[in-house]
Structures are given as structure tokens and as C-alpha cells.
């Protein structure tokens, strides 16, 4: 008898908790909040995509754009010719 009463109280508490959780999960306020978060995330993603497209298409106007640089190395020095030239200049 006592156990039945305790089980009934516990089951009632669990049922009320479940109803409360489901109401908070599916309430219009919660759904609207989730929708707003999704819209904000989509807006941020769209802005990122537009920024990438603008960077690609307007690369000349982008201040962060760096042109490819070509490194030109000096030709190797022939030391014998340099030494001969130096000695000729001394005389």
C-alpha cells in the first residue's frame, strides 16, 4: 500500500517533468529562438561566402591581396675573371 502510493507520486512527478520539458522544448518562444539562431548563422555564412567571392573577383582592389613575386638571382660570379680584372685595375 505504501509502496503503491510512493510509486504513484514518483510517476506523477516524472510525468509532470516530462510535460514541462516537452512544453519548453516545443514552445513557440523556443522555436522562434532556434529559428533566429539559424537565420543568424545563415546570414553569417552568406556574408563569409560573399566576402570570399569579392576577394576573388576584386583581387586588385583587395588591400590584403599580394601579387606573386619573382625572385631573380644574380648569375654566378666567375672568381678567376674577377681576380684578373682586379689585378689589371691595380696596374
PDB file of N, CA and C in Angstrom:
ATOM      1  N   UNK A   1       0.830  -1.192   0.000  1.00  0.00           N
ATOM      2  CA  UNK A   1       0.000   0.000   0.000  1.00  0.00           C
ATOM      3  C   UNK A   1       0.876   1.257   0.000  1.00  0.00           C
ATOM      4  N   UNK A   2       1.839   1.279   0.877  1.00  0.00           N
ATOM      5  CA  UNK A   2       2.730   2.436   0.958  1.00  0.00           C
ATOM      6  C   UNK A   2       3.597   2.548  -0.299  1.00  0.00           C
ATOM      7  N   UNK A   3       4.064   1.398  -0.774  1.00  0.00           N
ATOM      8  CA  UNK A   3       4.880   1.396  -1.987  1.00  0.00           C
ATOM      9  C   UNK A   3       4.077   1.868  -3.188  1.00  0.00           C
ATOM     10  N   UNK A   4       2.829   1.453  -3.259  1.00  0.00           N
ATOM     11  CA  UNK A   4       1.981   1.898  -4.373  1.00  0.00           C
ATOM     12  C   UNK A   4       1.815   3.414  -4.353  1.00  0.00           C
ATOM     13  N   UNK A   5       1.658   3.974  -3.179  1.00  0.00           N
ATOM     14  CA  UNK A   5       1.495   5.422  -3.062  1.00  0.00           C
ATOM     15  C   UNK A   5       2.793   6.134  -3.480  1.00  0.00           C
ATOM     16  N   UNK A   6       3.931   5.628  -3.031  1.00  0.00           N
ATOM     17  CA  UNK A   6       5.213   6.235  -3.406  1.00  0.00           C
ATOM     18  C   UNK A   6       5.473   6.130  -4.907  1.00  0.00           C
ATOM     19  N   UNK A   7       5.134   4.988  -5.469  1.00  0.00           N
ATOM     20  CA  UNK A   7       5.326   4.814  -6.913  1.00  0.00           C
ATOM     21  C   UNK A   7       4.411   5.759  -7.682  1.00  0.00           C
ATOM     22  N   UNK A   8       3.175   5.922  -7.206  1.00  0.00           N
ATOM     23  CA  UNK A   8       2.250   6.845  -7.874  1.00  0.00           C
ATOM     24  C   UNK A   8       2.766   8.292  -7.804  1.00  0.00           C
ATOM     25  N   UNK A   9       3.303   8.692  -6.648  1.00  0.00           N
ATOM     26  CA  UNK A   9       3.837  10.043  -6.505  1.00  0.00           C
ATOM     27  C   UNK A   9       5.041  10.226  -7.422  1.00  0.00           C
ATOM     28  N   UNK A  10       5.930   9.251  -7.453  1.00  0.00           N
ATOM     29  CA  UNK A  10       7.111   9.317  -8.305  1.00  0.00           C
ATOM     30  C   UNK A  10       6.734   9.373  -9.787  1.00  0.00           C
ATOM     31  N   UNK A  11       5.782   8.533 -10.192  1.00  0.00           N
ATOM     32  CA  UNK A  11       5.346   8.525 -11.585  1.00  0.00           C
ATOM     33  C   UNK A  11       4.678   9.853 -11.962  1.00  0.00           C
ATOM     34  N   UNK A  12       3.926  10.417 -11.033  1.00  0.00           N
ATOM     35  CA  UNK A  12       3.299  11.714 -11.293  1.00  0.00           C
ATOM     36  C   UNK A  12       4.363  12.795 -11.459  1.00  0.00           C
ATOM     37  N   UNK A  13       5.353  12.766 -10.611  1.00  0.00           N
ATOM     38  CA  UNK A  13       6.439  13.740 -10.712  1.00  0.00           C
ATOM     39  C   UNK A  13       7.176  13.602 -12.043  1.00  0.00           C
ATOM     40  N   UNK A  14       7.470  12.362 -12.436  1.00  0.00           N
ATOM     41  CA  UNK A  14       8.146  12.133 -13.709  1.00  0.00           C
ATOM     42  C   UNK A  14       7.289  12.578 -14.892  1.00  0.00           C
ATOM     43  N   UNK A  15       5.989  12.326 -14.823  1.00  0.00           N
ATOM     44  CA  UNK A  15       5.100  12.736 -15.896  1.00  0.00           C
ATOM     45  C   UNK A  15       5.036  14.266 -16.008  1.00  0.00           C
ATOM     46  N   UNK A  16       4.941  14.926 -14.860  1.00  0.00           N
ATOM     47  CA  UNK A  16       4.908  16.396 -14.861  1.00  0.00           C
ATOM     48  C   UNK A  16       6.232  16.956 -15.392  1.00  0.00           C
ATOM     49  N   UNK A  17       7.343  16.360 -15.005  1.00  0.00           N
ATOM     50  CA  UNK A  17       8.648  16.797 -15.504  1.00  0.00           C
ATOM     51  C   UNK A  17       8.757  16.619 -17.014  1.00  0.00           C
ATOM     52  N   UNK A  18       8.260  15.502 -17.515  1.00  0.00           N
ATOM     53  CA  UNK A  18       8.296  15.241 -18.943  1.00  0.00           C
ATOM     54  C   UNK A  18       7.441  16.254 -19.710  1.00  0.00           C
ATOM     55  N   UNK A  19       6.246  16.526 -19.201  1.00  0.00           N
ATOM     56  CA  UNK A  19       5.372  17.502 -19.852  1.00  0.00           C
ATOM     57  C   UNK A  19       6.023  18.886 -19.843  1.00  0.00           C
ATOM     58  N   UNK A  20       6.618  19.254 -18.726  1.00  0.00           N
ATOM     59  CA  UNK A  20       7.283  20.552 -18.615  1.00  0.00           C
ATOM     60  C   UNK A  20       8.445  20.650 -19.602  1.00  0.00           C
ATOM     61  N   UNK A  21       9.247  19.605 -19.719  1.00  0.00           N
ATOM     62  CA  UNK A  21      10.375  19.588 -20.645  1.00  0.00           C
ATOM     63  C   UNK A  21       9.894  19.702 -22.086  1.00  0.00           C
ATOM     64  N   UNK A  22       8.886  18.915 -22.442  1.00  0.00           N
ATOM     65  CA  UNK A  22       8.383  18.960 -23.810  1.00  0.00           C
ATOM     66  C   UNK A  22       7.766  20.318 -24.143  1.00  0.00           C
ATOM     67  N   UNK A  23       7.059  20.904 -23.190  1.00  0.00           N
ATOM     68  CA  UNK A  23       6.477  22.224 -23.427  1.00  0.00           C
ATOM     69  C   UNK A  23       7.574  23.266 -23.664  1.00  0.00           C
ATOM     70  N   UNK A  24       8.629  23.224 -22.861  1.00  0.00           N
ATOM     71  CA  UNK A  24       9.723  24.183 -23.041  1.00  0.00           C
ATOM     72  C   UNK A  24      10.479  23.934 -24.341  1.00  0.00           C
ATOM     73  N   UNK A  25      10.557  22.685 -24.751  1.00  0.00           N
ATOM     74  CA  UNK A  25      11.291  22.360 -25.970  1.00  0.00           C
ATOM     75  C   UNK A  25      10.524  22.786 -27.217  1.00  0.00           C
ATOM     76  N   UNK A  26       9.191  22.593 -27.197  1.00  0.00           N
ATOM     77  CA  UNK A  26       8.382  22.883 -28.376  1.00  0.00           C
ATOM     78  C   UNK A  26       7.562  24.167 -28.250  1.00  0.00           C
ATOM     79  N   UNK A  27       7.813  24.966 -27.236  1.00  0.00           N
ATOM     80  CA  UNK A  27       7.039  26.197 -27.077  1.00  0.00           C
ATOM     81  C   UNK A  27       7.367  27.163 -28.220  1.00  0.00           C
ATOM     82  N   UNK A  28       6.438  28.032 -28.569  1.00  0.00           N
ATOM     83  CA  UNK A  28       6.690  28.981 -29.664  1.00  0.00           C
ATOM     84  C   UNK A  28       7.911  29.865 -29.401  1.00  0.00           C
ATOM     85  N   UNK A  29       8.140  30.219 -28.154  1.00  0.00           N
ATOM     86  CA  UNK A  29       9.291  31.061 -27.834  1.00  0.00           C
ATOM     87  C   UNK A  29      10.593  30.318 -28.134  1.00  0.00           C
ATOM     88  N   UNK A  30      10.669  29.039 -27.759  1.00  0.00           N
ATOM     89  CA  UNK A  30      11.880  28.260 -28.008  1.00  0.00           C
ATOM     90  C   UNK A  30      12.077  28.028 -29.500  1.00  0.00           C
ATOM     91  N   UNK A  31      10.992  27.742 -30.211  1.00  0.00           N
ATOM     92  CA  UNK A  31      11.102  27.517 -31.652  1.00  0.00           C
ATOM     93  C   UNK A  31      11.531  28.804 -32.346  1.00  0.00           C
ATOM     94  N   UNK A  32      10.983  29.945 -31.923  1.00  0.00           N
ATOM     95  CA  UNK A  32      11.364  31.231 -32.507  1.00  0.00           C
ATOM     96  C   UNK A  32      12.831  31.532 -32.224  1.00  0.00           C
ATOM     97  N   UNK A  33      13.287  31.222 -31.023  1.00  0.00           N
ATOM     98  CA  UNK A  33      14.691  31.455 -30.677  1.00  0.00           C
ATOM     99  C   UNK A  33      15.609  30.600 -31.550  1.00  0.00           C
ATOM    100  N   UNK A  34      15.237  29.331 -31.747  1.00  0.00           N
ATOM    101  CA  UNK A  34      16.044  28.448 -32.591  1.00  0.00           C
ATOM    102  C   UNK A  34      16.042  28.942 -34.035  1.00  0.00           C
ATOM    103  N   UNK A  35      14.881  29.424 -34.508  1.00  0.00           N
ATOM    104  CA  UNK A  35      14.789  29.938 -35.871  1.00  0.00           C
ATOM    105  C   UNK A  35      15.663  31.168 -36.039  1.00  0.00           C
ATOM    106  N   UNK A  36      15.660  32.054 -35.054  1.00  0.00           N
ATOM    107  CA  UNK A  36      16.500  33.254 -35.124  1.00  0.00           C
ATOM    108  C   UNK A  36      17.975  32.893 -35.147  1.00  0.00           C
ATOM    109  N   UNK A  37      18.365  31.894 -34.339  1.00  0.00           N
ATOM    110  CA  UNK A  37      19.768  31.468 -34.337  1.00  0.00           C
ATOM    111  C   UNK A  37      20.163  30.896 -35.692  1.00  0.00           C
ATOM    112  N   UNK A  38      19.267  30.123 -36.301  1.00  0.00           N
ATOM    113  CA  UNK A  38      19.559  29.548 -37.619  1.00  0.00           C
ATOM    114  C   UNK A  38      19.691  30.663 -38.648  1.00  0.00           C
ATOM    115  N   UNK A  39      18.792  31.656 -38.569  1.00  0.00           N
ATOM    116  CA  UNK A  39      18.861  32.768 -39.519  1.00  0.00           C
ATOM    117  C   UNK A  39      20.153  33.560 -39.336  1.00  0.00           C
ATOM    118  N   UNK A  40      20.572  33.772 -38.093  1.00  0.00           N
ATOM    119  CA  UNK A  40      21.833  34.487 -37.851  1.00  0.00           C
ATOM    120  C   UNK A  40      23.012  33.704 -38.408  1.00  0.00           C
ATOM    121  N   UNK A  41      23.008  32.371 -38.190  1.00  0.00           N
ATOM    122  CA  UNK A  41      24.101  31.548 -38.709  1.00  0.00           C
ATOM    123  C   UNK A  41      24.125  31.575 -40.229  1.00  0.00           C
ATOM    124  N   UNK A  42      22.940  31.509 -40.857  1.00  0.00           N
ATOM    125  CA  UNK A  42      22.880  31.563 -42.316  1.00  0.00           C
ATOM    126  C   UNK A  42      23.364  32.915 -42.825  1.00  0.00           C
ATOM    127  N   UNK A  43      23.006  33.979 -42.120  1.00  0.00           N
ATOM    128  CA  UNK A  43      23.434  35.319 -42.534  1.00  0.00           C
ATOM    129  C   UNK A  43      24.952  35.437 -42.439  1.00  0.00           C
ATOM    130  N   UNK A  44      25.531  34.917 -41.352  1.00  0.00           N
ATOM    131  CA  UNK A  44      26.992  34.945 -41.207  1.00  0.00           C
ATOM    132  C   UNK A  44      27.665  34.126 -42.304  1.00  0.00           C
ATOM    133  N   UNK A  45      27.089  32.967 -42.610  1.00  0.00           N
ATOM    134  CA  UNK A  45      27.663  32.122 -43.662  1.00  0.00           C
ATOM    135  C   UNK A  45      27.559  32.820 -45.013  1.00  0.00           C
ATOM    136  N   UNK A  46      26.416  33.464 -45.282  1.00  0.00           N
ATOM    137  CA  UNK A  46      26.270  34.182 -46.548  1.00  0.00           C
ATOM    138  C   UNK A  46      27.272  35.325 -46.644  1.00  0.00           C
ATOM    139  N   UNK A  47      27.498  36.040 -45.550  1.00  0.00           N
ATOM    140  CA  UNK A  47      28.479  37.127 -45.561  1.00  0.00           C
ATOM    141  C   UNK A  47      29.881  36.598 -45.826  1.00  0.00           C
ATOM    142  N   UNK A  48      30.211  35.439 -45.231  1.00  0.00           N
ATOM    143  CA  UNK A  48      31.526  34.849 -45.474  1.00  0.00           C
ATOM    144  C   UNK A  48      31.687  34.462 -46.939  1.00  0.00           C
ATOM    145  N   UNK A  49      30.629  33.875 -47.523  1.00  0.00           N
ATOM    146  CA  UNK A  49      30.694  33.467 -48.929  1.00  0.00           C
ATOM    147  C   UNK A  49      30.837  34.697 -49.827  1.00  0.00           C
ATOM    148  N   UNK A  50      30.073  35.751 -49.529  1.00  0.00           N
ATOM    149  CA  UNK A  50      30.176  36.971 -50.328  1.00  0.00           C
ATOM    150  C   UNK A  50      31.559  37.597 -50.211  1.00  0.00           C
ATOM    151  N   UNK A  51      32.139  37.536 -49.029  1.00  0.00           N
ATOM    152  CA  UNK A  51      33.483  38.089 -48.843  1.00  0.00           C
ATOM    153  C   UNK A  51      34.516  37.315 -49.668  1.00  0.00           C
ATOM    154  N   UNK A  52      34.369  35.999 -49.703  1.00  0.00           N
ATOM    155  CA  UNK A  52      35.295  35.176 -50.499  1.00  0.00           C
ATOM    156  C   UNK A  52      35.138  35.497 -51.985  1.00  0.00           C
ATOM    157  N   UNK A  53      33.878  35.619 -52.427  1.00  0.00           N
ATOM    158  CA  UNK A  53      33.642  35.930 -53.844  1.00  0.00           C
ATOM    159  C   UNK A  53      34.213  37.300 -54.182  1.00  0.00           C
ATOM    160  N   UNK A  54      34.007  38.282 -53.321  1.00  0.00           N
ATOM    161  CA  UNK A  54      34.545  39.614 -53.571  1.00  0.00           C
ATOM    162  C   UNK A  54      36.067  39.607 -53.588  1.00  0.00           C
ATOM    163  N   UNK A  55      36.665  38.812 -52.734  1.00  0.00           N
ATOM    164  CA  UNK A  55      38.121  38.727 -52.708  1.00  0.00           C
ATOM    165  C   UNK A  55      38.648  38.143 -54.014  1.00  0.00           C
ATOM    166  N   UNK A  56      37.950  37.141 -54.532  1.00  0.00           N
ATOM    167  CA  UNK A  56      38.402  36.507 -55.768  1.00  0.00           C
ATOM    168  C   UNK A  56      38.186  37.440 -56.965  1.00  0.00           C
ATOM    169  N   UNK A  57      37.015  38.048 -57.033  1.00  0.00           N
ATOM    170  CA  UNK A  57      36.699  38.864 -58.213  1.00  0.00           C
ATOM    171  C   UNK A  57      37.362  40.234 -58.181  1.00  0.00           C
ATOM    172  N   UNK A  58      37.562  40.798 -57.002  1.00  0.00           N
ATOM    173  CA  UNK A  58      38.150  42.133 -56.894  1.00  0.00           C
ATOM    174  C   UNK A  58      39.526  42.067 -56.262  1.00  0.00           C
ATOM    175  N   UNK A  59      40.340  41.140 -56.733  1.00  0.00           N
ATOM    176  CA  UNK A  59      41.637  40.942 -56.088  1.00  0.00           C
ATOM    177  C   UNK A  59      42.531  42.167 -56.213  1.00  0.00           C
ATOM    178  N   UNK A  60      42.353  42.968 -57.302  1.00  0.00           N
ATOM    179  CA  UNK A  60      43.170  44.176 -57.454  1.00  0.00           C
ATOM    180  C   UNK A  60      42.792  45.226 -56.419  1.00  0.00           C
ATOM    181  N   UNK A  61      41.545  45.209 -55.990  1.00  0.00           N
ATOM    182  CA  UNK A  61      41.074  46.212 -55.039  1.00  0.00           C
ATOM    183  C   UNK A  61      41.240  45.766 -53.581  1.00  0.00           C
ATOM    184  N   UNK A  62      41.517  44.490 -53.391  1.00  0.00           N
ATOM    185  CA  UNK A  62      41.611  43.966 -52.030  1.00  0.00           C
ATOM    186  C   UNK A  62      42.942  44.394 -51.416  1.00  0.00           C
ATOM    187  N   UNK A  63      42.932  45.077 -50.250  1.00  0.00           N
ATOM    188  CA  UNK A  63      44.195  45.527 -49.666  1.00  0.00           C
ATOM    189  C   UNK A  63      45.077  44.386 -49.169  1.00  0.00           C
ATOM    190  N   UNK A  64      44.480  43.213 -48.956  1.00  0.00           N
ATOM    191  CA  UNK A  64      45.265  42.089 -48.454  1.00  0.00           C
ATOM    192  C   UNK A  64      45.822  41.226 -49.586  1.00  0.00           C
ATOM    193  N   UNK A  65      45.514  41.606 -50.833  1.00  0.00           N
ATOM    194  CA  UNK A  65      45.986  40.815 -51.971  1.00  0.00           C
ATOM    195  C   UNK A  65      47.477  41.044 -52.181  1.00  0.00           C
ATOM    196  N   UNK A  66      48.208  39.969 -52.337  1.00  0.00           N
ATOM    197  CA  UNK A  66      49.656  40.052 -52.565  1.00  0.00           C
ATOM    198  C   UNK A  66      49.942  39.410 -53.907  1.00  0.00           C
ATOM    199  N   UNK A  67      50.590  40.177 -54.769  1.00  0.00           N
ATOM    200  CA  UNK A  67      50.926  39.634 -56.081  1.00  0.00           C
ATOM    201  C   UNK A  67      52.050  38.610 -55.946  1.00  0.00           C
ATOM    202  N   UNK A  68      52.101  37.723 -56.927  1.00  0.00           N
ATOM    203  CA  UNK A  68      53.188  36.750 -56.950  1.00  0.00           C
ATOM    204  C   UNK A  68      54.496  37.493 -57.204  1.00  0.00           C
ATOM    205  N   UNK A  69      55.495  37.184 -56.435  1.00  0.00           N
ATOM    206  CA  UNK A  69      56.794  37.829 -56.620  1.00  0.00           C
ATOM    207  C   UNK A  69      57.750  36.843 -57.279  1.00  0.00           C
ATOM    208  N   UNK A  70      58.546  37.368 -58.167  1.00  0.00           N
ATOM    209  CA  UNK A  70      59.534  36.544 -58.865  1.00  0.00           C
ATOM    210  C   UNK A  70      60.897  36.911 -58.310  1.00  0.00           C
ATOM    211  N   UNK A  71      61.610  35.931 -57.835  1.00  0.00           N
ATOM    212  CA  UNK A  71      62.946  36.165 -57.283  1.00  0.00           C
ATOM    213  C   UNK A  71      63.958  35.928 -58.394  1.00  0.00           C
ATOM    214  N   UNK A  72      64.711  36.960 -58.688  1.00  0.00           N
ATOM    215  CA  UNK A  72      65.737  36.863 -59.722  1.00  0.00           C
ATOM    216  C   UNK A  72      67.084  36.794 -59.014  1.00  0.00           C
ATOM    217  N   UNK A  73      67.783  35.726 -59.262  1.00  0.00           N
ATOM    218  CA  UNK A  73      69.089  35.562 -58.621  1.00  0.00           C
ATOM    219  C   UNK A  73      70.177  36.097 -59.549  1.00  0.00           C
ATOM    220  N   UNK A  74      71.222  36.623 -58.939  1.00  0.00           N
ATOM    221  CA  UNK A  74      72.357  37.087 -59.725  1.00  0.00           C
ATOM    222  C   UNK A  74      73.064  35.882 -60.342  1.00  0.00           C
ATOM    223  N   UNK A  75      73.643  36.067 -61.519  1.00  0.00           N
ATOM    224  CA  UNK A  75      74.375  34.941 -62.117  1.00  0.00           C
ATOM    225  C   UNK A  75      75.600  34.614 -61.260  1.00  0.00           C
ATOM    226  N   UNK A  76      76.065  33.405 -61.324  1.00  0.00           N
ATOM    227  CA  UNK A  76      77.236  33.046 -60.523  1.00  0.00           C
ATOM    228  C   UNK A  76      78.466  33.854 -60.965  1.00  0.00           C
ATOM    229  N   UNK A  77      79.273  34.175 -60.009  1.00  0.00           N
ATOM    230  CA  UNK A  77      80.459  35.005 -60.271  1.00  0.00           C
ATOM    231  C   UNK A  77      81.633  34.087 -60.599  1.00  0.00           C
ATOM    232  N   UNK A  78      82.288  34.413 -61.682  1.00  0.00           N
ATOM    233  CA  UNK A  78      83.488  33.676 -62.053  1.00  0.00           C
ATOM    234  C   UNK A  78      84.670  34.347 -61.343  1.00  0.00           C
ATOM    235  N   UNK A  79      85.207  33.706 -60.338  1.00  0.00           N
ATOM    236  CA  UNK A  79      86.229  34.325 -59.490  1.00  0.00           C
ATOM    237  C   UNK A  79      87.529  34.585 -60.239  1.00  0.00           C
ATOM    238  N   UNK A  80      87.861  33.761 -61.211  1.00  0.00           N
ATOM    239  CA  UNK A  80      89.114  33.980 -61.948  1.00  0.00           C
ATOM    240  C   UNK A  80      89.040  35.278 -62.744  1.00  0.00           C
ATOM    241  N   UNK A  81      87.915  35.512 -63.409  1.00  0.00           N
ATOM    242  CA  UNK A  81      87.772  36.758 -64.180  1.00  0.00           C
ATOM    243  C   UNK A  81      87.754  37.962 -63.247  1.00  0.00           C
ATOM    244  N   UNK A  82      87.136  37.827 -62.112  1.00  0.00           N
ATOM    245  CA  UNK A  82      87.098  38.933 -61.162  1.00  0.00           C
ATOM    246  C   UNK A  82      88.498  39.258 -60.655  1.00  0.00           C
ATOM    247  N   UNK A  83      89.262  38.220 -60.365  1.00  0.00           N
ATOM    248  CA  UNK A  83      90.631  38.430 -59.890  1.00  0.00           C
ATOM    249  C   UNK A  83      91.499  39.062 -60.976  1.00  0.00           C
ATOM    250  N   UNK A  84      91.347  38.606 -62.215  1.00  0.00           N
ATOM    251  CA  UNK A  84      92.112  39.206 -63.323  1.00  0.00           C
ATOM    252  C   UNK A  84      91.749  40.674 -63.499  1.00  0.00           C
ATOM    253  N   UNK A  85      90.479  40.988 -63.443  1.00  0.00           N
ATOM    254  CA  UNK A  85      90.043  42.385 -63.569  1.00  0.00           C
ATOM    255  C   UNK A  85      90.597  43.231 -62.435  1.00  0.00           C
ATOM    256  N   UNK A  86      90.600  42.676 -61.252  1.00  0.00           N
ATOM    257  CA  UNK A  86      91.114  43.413 -60.101  1.00  0.00           C
ATOM    258  C   UNK A  86      92.604  43.699 -60.255  1.00  0.00           C
ATOM    259  N   UNK A  87      93.357  42.685 -60.680  1.00  0.00           N
ATOM    260  CA  UNK A  87      94.804  42.859 -60.860  1.00  0.00           C
ATOM    261  C   UNK A  87      95.115  43.831 -61.983  1.00  0.00           C
ATOM    262  N   UNK A  88      94.311  43.819 -63.040  1.00  0.00           N
ATOM    263  CA  UNK A  88      94.527  44.771 -64.136  1.00  0.00           C
ATOM    264  C   UNK A  88      94.259  46.197 -63.673  1.00  0.00           C
ATOM    265  N   UNK A  89      93.272  46.343 -62.834  1.00  0.00           N
ATOM    266  CA  UNK A  89      92.948  47.690 -62.332  1.00  0.00           C
ATOM    267  C   UNK A  89      94.021  48.209 -61.383  1.00  0.00           C
ATOM    268  N   UNK A  90      94.741  47.328 -60.715  1.00  0.00           N
ATOM    269  CA  UNK A  90      95.810  47.761 -59.824  1.00  0.00           C
ATOM    270  C   UNK A  90      97.007  48.298 -60.618  1.00  0.00           C
ATOM    271  N   UNK A  91      97.263  47.723 -61.781  1.00  0.00           N
ATOM    272  CA  UNK A  91      98.423  48.142 -62.595  1.00  0.00           C
ATOM    273  C   UNK A  91      98.114  49.375 -63.308  1.00  0.00           C
TER     274      UNK A  91
END
